[in-house]
Amino acid sequence: MNIFGENLFEKPNLLKTTKELLGISGHKPFDCVGTYKESRKAISLALKKTKLSRPYILNKISREINYQAA
């Protein structure tokens, strides 16, 4: 939030891009953000930190991430 000035996980318009970065749908839109595995690890860590109150995107993809990680 310090870099962008807002919580990007609260922006519904970024859900599609998030899923693409994780390899859930579409293709990875950026080469400079790490691999699918690295992106999934980052989201997994964010999910662990936000168990009680999850922002929009984390709430929407939490089930899909668990399925993909299995």
PDB file of N, CA and C in Angstrom:
ATOM      1  N   MET A   1       0.810  -1.180   0.000  1.00  0.00           N
ATOM      2  CA  MET A   1       0.000   0.000   0.000  1.00  0.00           C
ATOM      3  C   MET A   1       0.866   1.261   0.000  1.00  0.00           C
ATOM      4  N   ASN A   2       2.069   1.156   0.543  1.00  0.00           N
ATOM      5  CA  ASN A   2       2.962   2.317   0.539  1.00  0.00           C
ATOM      6  C   ASN A   2       3.364   2.703  -0.874  1.00  0.00           C
ATOM      7  N   ILE A   3       3.530   1.738  -1.741  1.00  0.00           N
ATOM      8  CA  ILE A   3       3.974   2.015  -3.109  1.00  0.00           C
ATOM      9  C   ILE A   3       2.839   2.556  -3.969  1.00  0.00           C
ATOM     10  N   PHE A   4       1.663   1.915  -3.915  1.00  0.00           N
ATOM     11  CA  PHE A   4       0.557   2.271  -4.803  1.00  0.00           C
ATOM     12  C   PHE A   4      -0.464   3.208  -4.164  1.00  0.00           C
ATOM     13  N   GLY A   5      -0.386   3.387  -2.855  1.00  0.00           N
ATOM     14  CA  GLY A   5      -1.301   4.286  -2.187  1.00  0.00           C
ATOM     15  C   GLY A   5      -2.690   3.724  -1.952  1.00  0.00           C
ATOM     16  N   GLU A   6      -2.873   2.447  -2.247  1.00  0.00           N
ATOM     17  CA  GLU A   6      -4.154   1.782  -2.031  1.00  0.00           C
ATOM     18  C   GLU A   6      -3.935   0.280  -1.979  1.00  0.00           C
ATOM     19  N   ASN A   7      -4.922  -0.442  -1.493  1.00  0.00           N
ATOM     20  CA  ASN A   7      -4.847  -1.898  -1.422  1.00  0.00           C
ATOM     21  C   ASN A   7      -5.302  -2.473  -2.759  1.00  0.00           C
ATOM     22  N   LEU A   8      -4.365  -2.970  -3.541  1.00  0.00           N
ATOM     23  CA  LEU A   8      -4.708  -3.500  -4.866  1.00  0.00           C
ATOM     24  C   LEU A   8      -5.591  -4.740  -4.774  1.00  0.00           C
ATOM     25  N   PHE A   9      -5.578  -5.437  -3.636  1.00  0.00           N
ATOM     26  CA  PHE A   9      -6.459  -6.588  -3.444  1.00  0.00           C
ATOM     27  C   PHE A   9      -7.921  -6.180  -3.305  1.00  0.00           C
ATOM     28  N   GLU A  10      -8.191  -4.894  -3.138  1.00  0.00           N
ATOM     29  CA  GLU A  10      -9.555  -4.392  -3.026  1.00  0.00           C
ATOM     30  C   GLU A  10     -10.113  -3.891  -4.361  1.00  0.00           C
ATOM     31  N   LYS A  11      -9.381  -4.066  -5.436  1.00  0.00           N
ATOM     32  CA  LYS A  11      -9.810  -3.572  -6.748  1.00  0.00           C
ATOM     33  C   LYS A  11     -10.368  -4.727  -7.590  1.00  0.00           C
ATOM     34  N   PRO A  12     -11.699  -4.813  -7.698  1.00  0.00           N
ATOM     35  CA  PRO A  12     -12.315  -5.910  -8.460  1.00  0.00           C
ATOM     36  C   PRO A  12     -11.816  -6.028  -9.895  1.00  0.00           C
ATOM     37  N   ASN A  13     -11.436  -4.915 -10.505  1.00  0.00           N
ATOM     38  CA  ASN A  13     -10.972  -4.958 -11.895  1.00  0.00           C
ATOM     39  C   ASN A  13      -9.626  -5.673 -12.045  1.00  0.00           C
ATOM     40  N   LEU A  14      -8.937  -5.968 -10.935  1.00  0.00           N
ATOM     41  CA  LEU A  14      -7.659  -6.688 -10.994  1.00  0.00           C
ATOM     42  C   LEU A  14      -7.805  -8.195 -10.768  1.00  0.00           C
ATOM     43  N   LEU A  15      -9.032  -8.671 -10.565  1.00  0.00           N
ATOM     44  CA  LEU A  15      -9.245 -10.101 -10.336  1.00  0.00           C
ATOM     45  C   LEU A  15      -8.788 -10.930 -11.532  1.00  0.00           C
ATOM     46  N   LYS A  16      -9.140 -10.522 -12.732  1.00  0.00           N
ATOM     47  CA  LYS A  16      -8.746 -11.260 -13.944  1.00  0.00           C
ATOM     48  C   LYS A  16      -7.221 -11.328 -14.062  1.00  0.00           C
ATOM     49  N   THR A  17      -6.557 -10.222 -13.860  1.00  0.00           N
ATOM     50  CA  THR A  17      -5.092 -10.186 -13.942  1.00  0.00           C
ATOM     51  C   THR A  17      -4.464 -11.066 -12.869  1.00  0.00           C
ATOM     52  N   THR A  18      -5.023 -11.045 -11.677  1.00  0.00           N
ATOM     53  CA  THR A  18      -4.515 -11.885 -10.592  1.00  0.00           C
ATOM     54  C   THR A  18      -4.611 -13.353 -10.965  1.00  0.00           C
ATOM     55  N   LYS A  19      -5.745 -13.756 -11.506  1.00  0.00           N
ATOM     56  CA  LYS A  19      -5.921 -15.154 -11.915  1.00  0.00           C
ATOM     57  C   LYS A  19      -4.933 -15.525 -13.018  1.00  0.00           C
ATOM     58  N   GLU A  20      -4.667 -14.605 -13.922  1.00  0.00           N
ATOM     59  CA  GLU A  20      -3.694 -14.873 -14.985  1.00  0.00           C
ATOM     60  C   GLU A  20      -2.284 -15.013 -14.416  1.00  0.00           C
ATOM     61  N   LEU A  21      -1.937 -14.173 -13.454  1.00  0.00           N
ATOM     62  CA  LEU A  21      -0.612 -14.262 -12.826  1.00  0.00           C
ATOM     63  C   LEU A  21      -0.418 -15.580 -12.091  1.00  0.00           C
ATOM     64  N   LEU A  22      -1.525 -16.158 -11.616  1.00  0.00           N
ATOM     65  CA  LEU A  22      -1.464 -17.408 -10.874  1.00  0.00           C
ATOM     66  C   LEU A  22      -1.600 -18.639 -11.760  1.00  0.00           C
ATOM     67  N   GLY A  23      -1.901 -18.440 -13.041  1.00  0.00           N
ATOM     68  CA  GLY A  23      -2.073 -19.566 -13.949  1.00  0.00           C
ATOM     69  C   GLY A  23      -3.426 -20.234 -13.829  1.00  0.00           C
ATOM     70  N   ILE A  24      -4.388 -19.549 -13.205  1.00  0.00           N
ATOM     71  CA  ILE A  24      -5.729 -20.106 -13.059  1.00  0.00           C
ATOM     72  C   ILE A  24      -6.515 -19.957 -14.357  1.00  0.00           C
ATOM     73  N   SER A  25      -6.312 -18.845 -15.027  1.00  0.00           N
ATOM     74  CA  SER A  25      -7.012 -18.608 -16.291  1.00  0.00           C
ATOM     75  C   SER A  25      -6.142 -17.770 -17.211  1.00  0.00           C
ATOM     76  N   GLY A  26      -6.416 -17.858 -18.485  1.00  0.00           N
ATOM     77  CA  GLY A  26      -5.709 -17.043 -19.465  1.00  0.00           C
ATOM     78  C   GLY A  26      -4.222 -17.313 -19.500  1.00  0.00           C
ATOM     79  N   HIS A  27      -3.473 -16.282 -19.833  1.00  0.00           N
ATOM     80  CA  HIS A  27      -2.013 -16.385 -19.902  1.00  0.00           C
ATOM     81  C   HIS A  27      -1.397 -15.364 -18.958  1.00  0.00           C
ATOM     82  N   LYS A  28      -0.164 -15.581 -18.569  1.00  0.00           N
ATOM     83  CA  LYS A  28       0.531 -14.675 -17.668  1.00  0.00           C
ATOM     84  C   LYS A  28       0.803 -13.354 -18.389  1.00  0.00           C
ATOM     85  N   PRO A  29       0.247 -12.249 -17.886  1.00  0.00           N
ATOM     86  CA  PRO A  29       0.334 -10.986 -18.614  1.00  0.00           C
ATOM     87  C   PRO A  29       1.677 -10.271 -18.527  1.00  0.00           C
ATOM     88  N   PHE A  30       2.494 -10.584 -17.536  1.00  0.00           N
ATOM     89  CA  PHE A  30       3.767  -9.886 -17.352  1.00  0.00           C
ATOM     90  C   PHE A  30       4.879 -10.897 -17.110  1.00  0.00           C
ATOM     91  N   ASP A  31       6.010 -10.712 -17.771  1.00  0.00           N
ATOM     92  CA  ASP A  31       7.156 -11.596 -17.553  1.00  0.00           C
ATOM     93  C   ASP A  31       7.958 -11.191 -16.323  1.00  0.00           C
ATOM     94  N   CYS A  32       7.852  -9.954 -15.908  1.00  0.00           N
ATOM     95  CA  CYS A  32       8.738  -9.416 -14.873  1.00  0.00           C
ATOM     96  C   CYS A  32       8.244  -9.643 -13.446  1.00  0.00           C
ATOM     97  N   VAL A  33       7.162 -10.388 -13.243  1.00  0.00           N
ATOM     98  CA  VAL A  33       6.604 -10.526 -11.896  1.00  0.00           C
ATOM     99  C   VAL A  33       6.839 -11.891 -11.272  1.00  0.00           C
ATOM    100  N   GLY A  34       7.601 -12.725 -11.894  1.00  0.00           N
ATOM    101  CA  GLY A  34       7.885 -14.038 -11.328  1.00  0.00           C
ATOM    102  C   GLY A  34       7.100 -15.136 -12.024  1.00  0.00           C
ATOM    103  N   THR A  35       7.372 -16.344 -11.613  1.00  0.00           N
ATOM    104  CA  THR A  35       6.725 -17.513 -12.199  1.00  0.00           C
ATOM    105  C   THR A  35       5.347 -17.717 -11.570  1.00  0.00           C
ATOM    106  N   TYR A  36       4.574 -18.635 -12.157  1.00  0.00           N
ATOM    107  CA  TYR A  36       3.283 -18.991 -11.561  1.00  0.00           C
ATOM    108  C   TYR A  36       3.493 -19.482 -10.133  1.00  0.00           C
ATOM    109  N   LYS A  37       4.504 -20.309  -9.953  1.00  0.00           N
ATOM    110  CA  LYS A  37       4.782 -20.870  -8.627  1.00  0.00           C
ATOM    111  C   LYS A  37       5.094 -19.760  -7.618  1.00  0.00           C
ATOM    112  N   GLU A  38       5.903 -18.797  -8.010  1.00  0.00           N
ATOM    113  CA  GLU A  38       6.245 -17.695  -7.116  1.00  0.00           C
ATOM    114  C   GLU A  38       5.018 -16.834  -6.800  1.00  0.00           C
ATOM    115  N   SER A  39       4.187 -16.597  -7.803  1.00  0.00           N
ATOM    116  CA  SER A  39       2.968 -15.813  -7.588  1.00  0.00           C
ATOM    117  C   SER A  39       2.009 -16.547  -6.656  1.00  0.00           C
ATOM    118  N   ARG A  40       1.882 -17.852  -6.835  1.00  0.00           N
ATOM    119  CA  ARG A  40       1.016 -18.646  -5.952  1.00  0.00           C
ATOM    120  C   ARG A  40       1.530 -18.627  -4.514  1.00  0.00           C
ATOM    121  N   LYS A  41       2.829 -18.687  -4.353  1.00  0.00           N
ATOM    122  CA  LYS A  41       3.410 -18.633  -3.008  1.00  0.00           C
ATOM    123  C   LYS A  41       3.105 -17.280  -2.354  1.00  0.00           C
ATOM    124  N   ALA A  42       3.256 -16.212  -3.108  1.00  0.00           N
ATOM    125  CA  ALA A  42       2.975 -14.874  -2.576  1.00  0.00           C
ATOM    126  C   ALA A  42       1.511 -14.749  -2.153  1.00  0.00           C
ATOM    127  N   ILE A  43       0.601 -15.260  -2.971  1.00  0.00           N
ATOM    128  CA  ILE A  43      -0.826 -15.205  -2.625  1.00  0.00           C
ATOM    129  C   ILE A  43      -1.104 -16.101  -1.426  1.00  0.00           C
ATOM    130  N   SER A  44      -0.476 -17.252  -1.356  1.00  0.00           N
ATOM    131  CA  SER A  44      -0.656 -18.145  -0.207  1.00  0.00           C
ATOM    132  C   SER A  44      -0.241 -17.453   1.090  1.00  0.00           C
ATOM    133  N   LEU A  45       0.867 -16.729   1.053  1.00  0.00           N
ATOM    134  CA  LEU A  45       1.314 -15.991   2.235  1.00  0.00           C
ATOM    135  C   LEU A  45       0.324 -14.882   2.596  1.00  0.00           C
ATOM    136  N   ALA A  46      -0.199 -14.191   1.589  1.00  0.00           N
ATOM    137  CA  ALA A  46      -1.196 -13.146   1.843  1.00  0.00           C
ATOM    138  C   ALA A  46      -2.468 -13.747   2.431  1.00  0.00           C
ATOM    139  N   LEU A  47      -2.861 -14.924   1.944  1.00  0.00           N
ATOM    140  CA  LEU A  47      -4.051 -15.588   2.476  1.00  0.00           C
ATOM    141  C   LEU A  47      -3.858 -15.973   3.941  1.00  0.00           C
ATOM    142  N   LYS A  48      -2.671 -16.430   4.290  1.00  0.00           N
ATOM    143  CA  LYS A  48      -2.385 -16.796   5.685  1.00  0.00           C
ATOM    144  C   LYS A  48      -2.451 -15.579   6.605  1.00  0.00           C
ATOM    145  N   LYS A  49      -2.018 -14.428   6.096  1.00  0.00           N
ATOM    146  CA  LYS A  49      -2.007 -13.213   6.910  1.00  0.00           C
ATOM    147  C   LYS A  49      -3.400 -12.592   7.055  1.00  0.00           C
ATOM    148  N   THR A  50      -4.333 -12.969   6.202  1.00  0.00           N
ATOM    149  CA  THR A  50      -5.644 -12.308   6.183  1.00  0.00           C
ATOM    150  C   THR A  50      -6.784 -13.282   6.437  1.00  0.00           C
ATOM    151  N   LYS A  51      -6.586 -14.251   7.291  1.00  0.00           N
ATOM    152  CA  LYS A  51      -7.626 -15.266   7.521  1.00  0.00           C
ATOM    153  C   LYS A  51      -8.930 -14.680   8.037  1.00  0.00           C
ATOM    154  N   LEU A  52      -8.868 -13.683   8.895  1.00  0.00           N
ATOM    155  CA  LEU A  52     -10.084 -13.154   9.505  1.00  0.00           C
ATOM    156  C   LEU A  52     -10.806 -12.137   8.628  1.00  0.00           C
ATOM    157  N   SER A  53     -10.070 -11.312   7.945  1.00  0.00           N
ATOM    158  CA  SER A  53     -10.675 -10.261   7.132  1.00  0.00           C
ATOM    159  C   SER A  53      -9.920 -10.162   5.810  1.00  0.00           C
ATOM    160  N   ARG A  54     -10.469 -10.772   4.779  1.00  0.00           N
ATOM    161  CA  ARG A  54      -9.783 -10.805   3.485  1.00  0.00           C
ATOM    162  C   ARG A  54     -10.301  -9.736   2.544  1.00  0.00           C
ATOM    163  N   PRO A  55      -9.376  -9.067   1.837  1.00  0.00           N
ATOM    164  CA  PRO A  55      -9.788  -8.118   0.810  1.00  0.00           C
ATOM    165  C   PRO A  55     -10.506  -8.838  -0.338  1.00  0.00           C
ATOM    166  N   TYR A  56     -11.158  -8.087  -1.168  1.00  0.00           N
ATOM    167  CA  TYR A  56     -11.995  -8.607  -2.249  1.00  0.00           C
ATOM    168  C   TYR A  56     -11.318  -9.721  -3.060  1.00  0.00           C
ATOM    169  N   ILE A  57     -10.174  -9.450  -3.646  1.00  0.00           N
ATOM    170  CA  ILE A  57      -9.529 -10.428  -4.531  1.00  0.00           C
ATOM    171  C   ILE A  57      -9.116 -11.683  -3.775  1.00  0.00           C
ATOM    172  N   LEU A  58      -8.540 -11.529  -2.609  1.00  0.00           N
ATOM    173  CA  LEU A  58      -8.132 -12.710  -1.840  1.00  0.00           C
ATOM    174  C   LEU A  58      -9.338 -13.553  -1.458  1.00  0.00           C
ATOM    175  N   ASN A  59     -10.424 -12.908  -1.133  1.00  0.00           N
ATOM    176  CA  ASN A  59     -11.646 -13.629  -0.807  1.00  0.00           C
ATOM    177  C   ASN A  59     -12.149 -14.424  -2.016  1.00  0.00           C
ATOM    178  N   LYS A  60     -12.136 -13.808  -3.184  1.00  0.00           N
ATOM    179  CA  LYS A  60     -12.648 -14.452  -4.400  1.00  0.00           C
ATOM    180  C   LYS A  60     -11.800 -15.641  -4.850  1.00  0.00           C
ATOM    181  N   ILE A  61     -10.492 -15.535  -4.709  1.00  0.00           N
ATOM    182  CA  ILE A  61      -9.644 -16.602  -5.247  1.00  0.00           C
ATOM    183  C   ILE A  61      -9.187 -17.619  -4.206  1.00  0.00           C
ATOM    184  N   SER A  62      -9.552 -17.430  -2.954  1.00  0.00           N
ATOM    185  CA  SER A  62      -9.042 -18.324  -1.909  1.00  0.00           C
ATOM    186  C   SER A  62      -9.360 -19.790  -2.196  1.00  0.00           C
ATOM    187  N   ARG A  63     -10.552 -20.102  -2.645  1.00  0.00           N
ATOM    188  CA  ARG A  63     -10.896 -21.500  -2.966  1.00  0.00           C
ATOM    189  C   ARG A  63     -10.148 -21.991  -4.198  1.00  0.00           C
ATOM    190  N   GLU A  64     -10.001 -21.142  -5.192  1.00  0.00           N
ATOM    191  CA  GLU A  64      -9.294 -21.550  -6.415  1.00  0.00           C
ATOM    192  C   GLU A  64      -7.815 -21.810  -6.138  1.00  0.00           C
ATOM    193  N   ILE A  65      -7.213 -21.010  -5.280  1.00  0.00           N
ATOM    194  CA  ILE A  65      -5.798 -21.200  -4.938  1.00  0.00           C
ATOM    195  C   ILE A  65      -5.622 -22.537  -4.225  1.00  0.00           C
ATOM    196  N   ASN A  66      -6.485 -22.829  -3.270  1.00  0.00           N
ATOM    197  CA  ASN A  66      -6.386 -24.087  -2.539  1.00  0.00           C
ATOM    198  C   ASN A  66      -6.534 -25.263  -3.498  1.00  0.00           C
ATOM    199  N   TYR A  67      -7.412 -25.154  -4.472  1.00  0.00           N
ATOM    200  CA  TYR A  67      -7.591 -26.226  -5.451  1.00  0.00           C
ATOM    201  C   TYR A  67      -6.337 -26.383  -6.294  1.00  0.00           C
ATOM    202  N   GLN A  68      -5.792 -25.270  -6.785  1.00  0.00           N
ATOM    203  CA  GLN A  68      -4.611 -25.315  -7.635  1.00  0.00           C
ATOM    204  C   GLN A  68      -3.388 -25.837  -6.879  1.00  0.00           C
ATOM    205  N   ALA A  69      -3.275 -25.522  -5.595  1.00  0.00           N
ATOM    206  CA  ALA A  69      -2.114 -25.938  -4.815  1.00  0.00           C
ATOM    207  C   ALA A  69      -2.144 -27.423  -4.469  1.00  0.00           C
ATOM    208  N   ALA A  70      -3.322 -28.030  -4.529  1.00  0.00           N
ATOM    209  CA  ALA A  70      -3.457 -29.447  -4.156  1.00  0.00           C
ATOM    210  C   ALA A  70      -2.821 -30.363  -5.176  1.00  0.00           C
TER     211      ALA A  70
END
